[in-house]
Amino acid sequence: MNQNPFWQNIFRNQAGKQTLAYFLSQVPMFTKLSQRELKFLEKIVHIRNFEADEMVFSAGDIGSGMYIIRSGQVQIFSVDNNGKELEQAILEPGDFFGEVALTGTRPRTAGARATTASSLVGLFRSDILEATLRHPAPTAKILFGLNRVLADRLHQCSQQLELLQSRITTPQEPNHE
């Protein structure tokens, strides 16, 4: 039976755009990878599914890797001295978090919780370390991409800090009413 083209879903993604490799190619730290390198990366990442309100990790946990949101939504939050949660960000598909954990073992500075059923792509330090030994060239490109993203975020933080410092040190005009 021939399908009427009028009823076909013209908005459906092409098959190639549904692959994990294509998804990873859209993440800023992986945009410079070749198709072959993306296929390699696809083999070392892990898909993790979380239910709504399930913790991905808590502040204080020792970081083991980063996550990229393939579907769903994740809240990044900290907890103040009174135990109150302070929302830092709501992240959506294509966003990533926890990338600093790929560089060393430090406690997480914030928590992450799935706010909806979510599928996350995890890249873990142990896999990167093993890949460095077995496949140094593509792993180096992955790490250069990570370095580029961390440098961009550090630069952005520095600019925000300068802006805040200028607001603090600039004398305020007296209010003459």
Protein backbone atom coordinates (compact mmCIF):
# COMPACT_ATOMS: atom_id res chain seq x y z
CA MET A 1 0.00 0.00 0.00
CA ASN A 2 1.41 3.38 -1.03
CA GLN A 3 1.35 6.05 1.62
CA ASN A 4 -0.12 9.39 0.76
CA PRO A 5 2.81 11.91 0.95
CA PHE A 6 0.38 14.46 2.33
CA TRP A 7 0.24 12.51 5.61
CA GLN A 8 3.97 11.84 5.93
CA ASN A 9 5.72 13.55 8.80
CA ILE A 10 7.83 16.18 7.07
CA PHE A 11 9.31 17.21 10.43
CA ARG A 12 10.75 13.77 11.23
CA ASN A 13 14.52 13.77 11.64
CA GLN A 14 16.57 12.00 9.04
CA ALA A 15 17.87 8.63 10.22
CA GLY A 16 21.47 9.89 10.55
CA LYS A 17 20.42 12.65 12.90
CA GLN A 18 19.04 10.13 15.38
CA THR A 19 22.36 8.33 15.92
CA LEU A 20 24.42 8.77 19.05
CA ALA A 21 27.40 9.83 16.93
CA TYR A 22 25.36 12.63 15.36
CA PHE A 23 24.10 13.74 18.77
CA LEU A 24 27.66 13.83 20.15
CA SER A 25 28.83 15.83 17.12
CA GLN A 26 26.52 18.66 18.23
CA VAL A 27 28.16 18.97 21.68
CA PRO A 28 30.64 21.90 21.67
CA MET A 29 33.63 19.89 22.92
CA PHE A 30 33.14 17.26 20.19
CA THR A 31 32.38 19.47 17.17
CA LYS A 32 35.91 19.13 15.77
CA LEU A 33 35.89 15.30 15.79
CA SER A 34 35.80 13.38 12.52
CA GLN A 35 33.16 10.71 11.84
CA ARG A 36 35.71 8.03 12.74
CA GLU A 37 36.57 9.78 16.02
CA LEU A 38 32.87 10.18 16.82
CA LYS A 39 32.40 6.42 16.30
CA PHE A 40 35.28 5.86 18.74
CA LEU A 41 33.69 8.24 21.25
CA GLU A 42 30.37 6.45 20.83
CA LYS A 43 32.07 3.25 22.06
CA ILE A 44 33.40 4.77 25.30
CA VAL A 45 30.34 6.70 26.49
CA HIS A 46 27.57 5.21 28.63
CA ILE A 47 23.83 5.83 28.41
CA ARG A 48 22.19 6.32 31.80
CA ASN A 49 18.46 6.73 32.29
CA PHE A 50 17.02 8.61 35.26
CA GLU A 51 13.47 8.96 36.50
CA ALA A 52 11.94 12.31 37.42
CA ASP A 53 13.35 13.59 40.74
CA GLU A 54 16.19 11.05 40.70
CA MET A 55 19.60 12.35 41.77
CA VAL A 56 22.38 12.17 39.20
CA PHE A 57 24.93 13.18 41.84
CA SER A 58 25.07 15.23 45.04
CA ALA A 59 27.29 18.11 46.09
CA GLY A 60 30.30 16.66 47.87
CA ASP A 61 30.37 13.43 45.82
CA ILE A 62 33.74 12.76 44.24
CA GLY A 63 33.28 13.44 40.53
CA SER A 64 33.92 10.59 38.12
CA GLY A 65 32.78 12.09 34.84
CA MET A 66 30.49 14.35 32.88
CA TYR A 67 26.98 14.01 31.47
CA ILE A 68 25.31 15.24 28.31
CA ILE A 69 21.51 15.44 28.26
CA ARG A 70 20.10 13.48 25.33
CA SER A 71 16.49 13.81 26.49
CA GLY A 72 14.75 15.21 29.53
CA GLN A 73 15.74 17.97 31.90
CA VAL A 74 18.26 18.28 34.76
CA GLN A 75 18.38 20.81 37.58
CA ILE A 76 21.76 21.93 38.93
CA PHE A 77 21.53 23.21 42.49
CA SER A 78 23.54 24.04 45.59
CA VAL A 79 22.46 23.98 49.22
CA ASP A 80 22.87 27.00 51.50
CA ASN A 81 23.92 26.91 55.17
CA ASN A 82 20.27 26.50 56.21
CA GLY A 83 19.79 23.44 54.02
CA LYS A 84 17.74 25.32 51.42
CA GLU A 85 18.27 24.34 47.79
CA LEU A 86 19.38 27.16 45.49
CA GLU A 87 18.71 26.48 41.82
CA GLN A 88 21.74 27.27 39.66
CA ALA A 89 20.44 26.13 36.28
CA ILE A 90 17.88 24.05 34.42
CA LEU A 91 19.57 22.13 31.62
CA GLU A 92 17.93 20.59 28.56
CA PRO A 93 18.86 18.28 25.66
CA GLY A 94 22.29 19.11 24.26
CA ASP A 95 23.47 20.75 27.50
CA PHE A 96 26.27 19.13 29.48
CA PHE A 97 27.54 19.31 33.05
CA GLY A 98 30.18 17.86 35.36
CA GLU A 99 33.00 18.14 32.82
CA VAL A 100 35.52 19.30 35.45
CA ALA A 101 35.39 15.77 36.89
CA LEU A 102 37.22 14.51 33.79
CA THR A 103 40.31 16.45 34.89
CA GLY A 104 40.71 15.14 38.43
CA THR A 105 39.12 13.75 41.56
CA ARG A 106 37.47 16.61 43.40
CA PRO A 107 34.21 16.84 45.30
CA ARG A 108 31.27 18.09 43.26
CA THR A 109 30.37 21.71 44.08
CA ALA A 110 26.68 21.27 43.22
CA GLY A 111 24.06 18.58 42.93
CA ALA A 112 22.27 17.43 39.79
CA ARG A 113 18.75 16.01 39.69
CA ALA A 114 16.62 14.86 36.77
CA THR A 115 13.42 16.92 36.83
CA THR A 116 11.79 14.72 34.19
CA ALA A 117 12.54 11.22 32.91
CA SER A 118 15.93 11.77 31.31
CA SER A 119 18.48 9.96 29.19
CA LEU A 120 22.04 11.11 29.84
CA VAL A 121 25.22 10.25 28.00
CA GLY A 122 28.06 9.77 30.47
CA LEU A 123 31.75 10.13 29.73
CA PHE A 124 33.87 8.98 32.66
CA ARG A 125 37.45 9.69 33.68
CA SER A 126 38.33 5.97 33.91
CA ASP A 127 37.28 5.47 30.27
CA ILE A 128 39.28 8.52 29.16
CA LEU A 129 42.38 7.27 31.02
CA GLU A 130 42.12 3.84 29.40
CA ALA A 131 41.47 5.37 25.97
CA THR A 132 44.56 7.57 26.38
CA LEU A 133 46.69 4.43 26.53
CA ARG A 134 44.93 2.47 23.79
CA HIS A 135 43.84 5.22 21.37
CA PRO A 136 45.93 8.34 22.09
CA ALA A 137 45.16 10.36 18.94
CA PRO A 138 41.33 10.52 19.16
CA THR A 139 41.51 10.83 22.95
CA ALA A 140 43.84 13.82 22.60
CA LYS A 141 41.28 15.53 20.34
CA ILE A 142 38.54 14.84 22.89
CA LEU A 143 40.71 16.32 25.65
CA PHE A 144 41.56 19.38 23.53
CA GLY A 145 37.82 19.89 23.04
CA LEU A 146 37.32 19.62 26.81
CA ASN A 147 40.14 22.12 27.33
CA ARG A 148 38.50 24.54 24.87
CA VAL A 149 35.17 24.35 26.73
CA LEU A 150 36.77 24.75 30.16
CA ALA A 151 38.79 27.73 28.93
CA ASP A 152 35.65 29.35 27.50
CA ARG A 153 33.78 28.85 30.77
CA LEU A 154 36.70 30.20 32.81
CA HIS A 155 36.87 33.26 30.54
CA GLN A 156 33.13 33.83 30.95
CA CYS A 157 33.43 33.53 34.75
CA SER A 158 36.33 36.00 34.76
CA GLN A 159 34.25 38.51 32.80
CA GLN A 160 31.32 38.11 35.19
CA LEU A 161 33.63 38.52 38.18
CA GLU A 162 35.09 41.72 36.70
CA LEU A 163 31.59 43.07 36.16
CA LEU A 164 30.61 42.30 39.76
CA GLN A 165 33.83 43.87 41.07
CA SER A 166 33.21 47.03 39.08
CA ARG A 167 29.72 47.29 40.55
CA ILE A 168 31.09 46.92 44.08
CA THR A 169 33.98 49.38 43.69
CA THR A 170 32.13 52.06 41.71
CA PRO A 171 30.79 54.65 44.14
CA GLN A 172 27.05 55.02 43.95
CA GLU A 173 25.55 58.39 43.25
CA PRO A 174 23.74 59.75 46.30
CA ASN A 175 20.00 59.74 45.94
CA HIS A 176 18.86 63.41 46.14
CA GLU A 177 15.19 63.42 46.86
